[in-house]
Amino acid sequence: MISAQITYEFPSAQIANRFLNTLTSWSVSKVDARLAGAGDRVRVRYTYGEGRFDSTASALDDLASQLDGHEVNAG
């Protein structure tokens, strides 16, 4: 299994919470999502099988984009 982590930044904490709440009942993949930073960021962790295509990152990017969010370097 491979672990992945992506952090998304949103225009406000309210929108970040909307993204987070959407992920609690998300049907695409099982993810662990938590607020990060000043509350306007959401850190998402998930695992997927090695050697197979996984569309989770793409689906997360699409969902974040719908809420005016974007991926950021969490470092």
C-alpha atoms as a PDB file:
ATOM      1  CA  MET A   1       0.000   0.000   0.000  1.00  0.00           C
ATOM      2  CA  ILE A   2       1.096   3.532  -0.761  1.00  0.00           C
ATOM      3  CA  SER A   3       0.233   6.477   1.490  1.00  0.00           C
ATOM      4  CA  ALA A   4      -0.524   9.868  -0.001  1.00  0.00           C
ATOM      5  CA  GLN A   5      -1.099  13.252   1.587  1.00  0.00           C
ATOM      6  CA  ILE A   6      -2.447  16.391  -0.063  1.00  0.00           C
ATOM      7  CA  THR A   7      -3.158  19.773   1.533  1.00  0.00           C
ATOM      8  CA  TYR A   8      -5.743  22.114   0.061  1.00  0.00           C
ATOM      9  CA  GLU A   9      -6.173  25.813   0.784  1.00  0.00           C
ATOM     10  CA  PHE A  10      -9.521  27.598   0.532  1.00  0.00           C
ATOM     11  CA  PRO A  11     -10.602  31.257   0.510  1.00  0.00           C
ATOM     12  CA  SER A  12     -12.022  30.961   4.046  1.00  0.00           C
ATOM     13  CA  ALA A  13     -12.329  28.613   6.989  1.00  0.00           C
ATOM     14  CA  GLN A  14     -16.045  28.262   6.252  1.00  0.00           C
ATOM     15  CA  ILE A  15     -15.342  26.872   2.783  1.00  0.00           C
ATOM     16  CA  ALA A  16     -12.590  24.618   4.140  1.00  0.00           C
ATOM     17  CA  ASN A  17     -15.133  23.197   6.587  1.00  0.00           C
ATOM     18  CA  ARG A  18     -17.596  22.627   3.742  1.00  0.00           C
ATOM     19  CA  PHE A  19     -14.900  20.625   1.901  1.00  0.00           C
ATOM     20  CA  LEU A  20     -14.106  18.674   5.068  1.00  0.00           C
ATOM     21  CA  ASN A  21     -17.777  17.896   5.706  1.00  0.00           C
ATOM     22  CA  THR A  22     -18.235  16.731   2.122  1.00  0.00           C
ATOM     23  CA  LEU A  23     -15.405  14.251   2.591  1.00  0.00           C
ATOM     24  CA  THR A  24     -17.076  12.670   5.640  1.00  0.00           C
ATOM     25  CA  SER A  25     -19.650  11.043   3.347  1.00  0.00           C
ATOM     26  CA  TRP A  26     -17.520  10.921   0.206  1.00  0.00           C
ATOM     27  CA  SER A  27     -18.114   7.826  -1.903  1.00  0.00           C
ATOM     28  CA  VAL A  28     -14.985   7.977  -4.098  1.00  0.00           C
ATOM     29  CA  SER A  29     -12.432   6.662  -1.614  1.00  0.00           C
ATOM     30  CA  LYS A  30     -11.838   6.378   2.126  1.00  0.00           C
ATOM     31  CA  VAL A  31      -9.832   9.397   3.253  1.00  0.00           C
ATOM     32  CA  ASP A  32      -8.698  10.891   6.548  1.00  0.00           C
ATOM     33  CA  ALA A  33      -9.263  14.662   6.371  1.00  0.00           C
ATOM     34  CA  ARG A  34      -8.496  17.277   9.024  1.00  0.00           C
ATOM     35  CA  LEU A  35      -8.340  21.049   9.253  1.00  0.00           C
ATOM     36  CA  ALA A  36      -4.827  22.456   9.090  1.00  0.00           C
ATOM     37  CA  GLY A  37      -3.084  25.802   9.289  1.00  0.00           C
ATOM     38  CA  ALA A  38      -5.318  28.711  10.261  1.00  0.00           C
ATOM     39  CA  GLY A  39      -8.448  26.686   9.528  1.00  0.00           C
ATOM     40  CA  ASP A  40      -8.492  27.560   5.836  1.00  0.00           C
ATOM     41  CA  ARG A  41      -6.573  24.421   4.879  1.00  0.00           C
ATOM     42  CA  VAL A  42      -7.553  20.773   4.848  1.00  0.00           C
ATOM     43  CA  ARG A  43      -4.978  17.962   4.968  1.00  0.00           C
ATOM     44  CA  VAL A  44      -6.159  14.765   3.314  1.00  0.00           C
ATOM     45  CA  ARG A  45      -4.484  11.371   3.748  1.00  0.00           C
ATOM     46  CA  TYR A  46      -5.362   8.145   1.991  1.00  0.00           C
ATOM     47  CA  THR A  47      -3.801   4.875   0.852  1.00  0.00           C
ATOM     48  CA  TYR A  48      -4.053   2.958  -2.376  1.00  0.00           C
ATOM     49  CA  GLY A  49      -2.726  -0.264  -3.810  1.00  0.00           C
ATOM     50  CA  GLU A  50       0.673  -0.311  -5.448  1.00  0.00           C
ATOM     51  CA  GLY A  51       0.797  -0.967  -9.176  1.00  0.00           C
ATOM     52  CA  ARG A  52      -2.698   0.169 -10.013  1.00  0.00           C
ATOM     53  CA  PHE A  53      -4.172   3.451 -11.169  1.00  0.00           C
ATOM     54  CA  ASP A  54      -5.836   5.495  -8.442  1.00  0.00           C
ATOM     55  CA  SER A  55      -8.051   8.458  -9.290  1.00  0.00           C
ATOM     56  CA  THR A  56      -8.471   9.719  -5.716  1.00  0.00           C
ATOM     57  CA  ALA A  57      -6.108  12.693  -6.124  1.00  0.00           C
ATOM     58  CA  SER A  58      -7.854  13.792  -9.297  1.00  0.00           C
ATOM     59  CA  ALA A  59     -11.281  13.531  -7.667  1.00  0.00           C
ATOM     60  CA  LEU A  60     -10.045  15.505  -4.634  1.00  0.00           C
ATOM     61  CA  ASP A  61      -8.609  18.192  -6.920  1.00  0.00           C
ATOM     62  CA  ASP A  62     -11.929  18.451  -8.773  1.00  0.00           C
ATOM     63  CA  LEU A  63     -13.914  18.751  -5.549  1.00  0.00           C
ATOM     64  CA  ALA A  64     -11.546  21.356  -4.108  1.00  0.00           C
ATOM     65  CA  SER A  65     -11.663  23.330  -7.358  1.00  0.00           C
ATOM     66  CA  GLN A  66     -15.474  23.458  -7.197  1.00  0.00           C
ATOM     67  CA  LEU A  67     -15.051  25.264  -3.858  1.00  0.00           C
ATOM     68  CA  ASP A  68     -12.281  27.597  -5.142  1.00  0.00           C
ATOM     69  CA  GLY A  69      -9.625  25.573  -3.351  1.00  0.00           C
ATOM     70  CA  HIS A  70      -6.212  24.547  -4.591  1.00  0.00           C
ATOM     71  CA  GLU A  71      -3.430  22.193  -3.624  1.00  0.00           C
ATOM     72  CA  VAL A  72      -0.594  23.732  -1.628  1.00  0.00           C
ATOM     73  CA  ASN A  73       2.835  22.586  -0.529  1.00  0.00           C
ATOM     74  CA  ALA A  74       2.352  21.706   3.132  1.00  0.00           C
ATOM     75  CA  GLY A  75       6.077  21.922   3.854  1.00  0.00           C
END
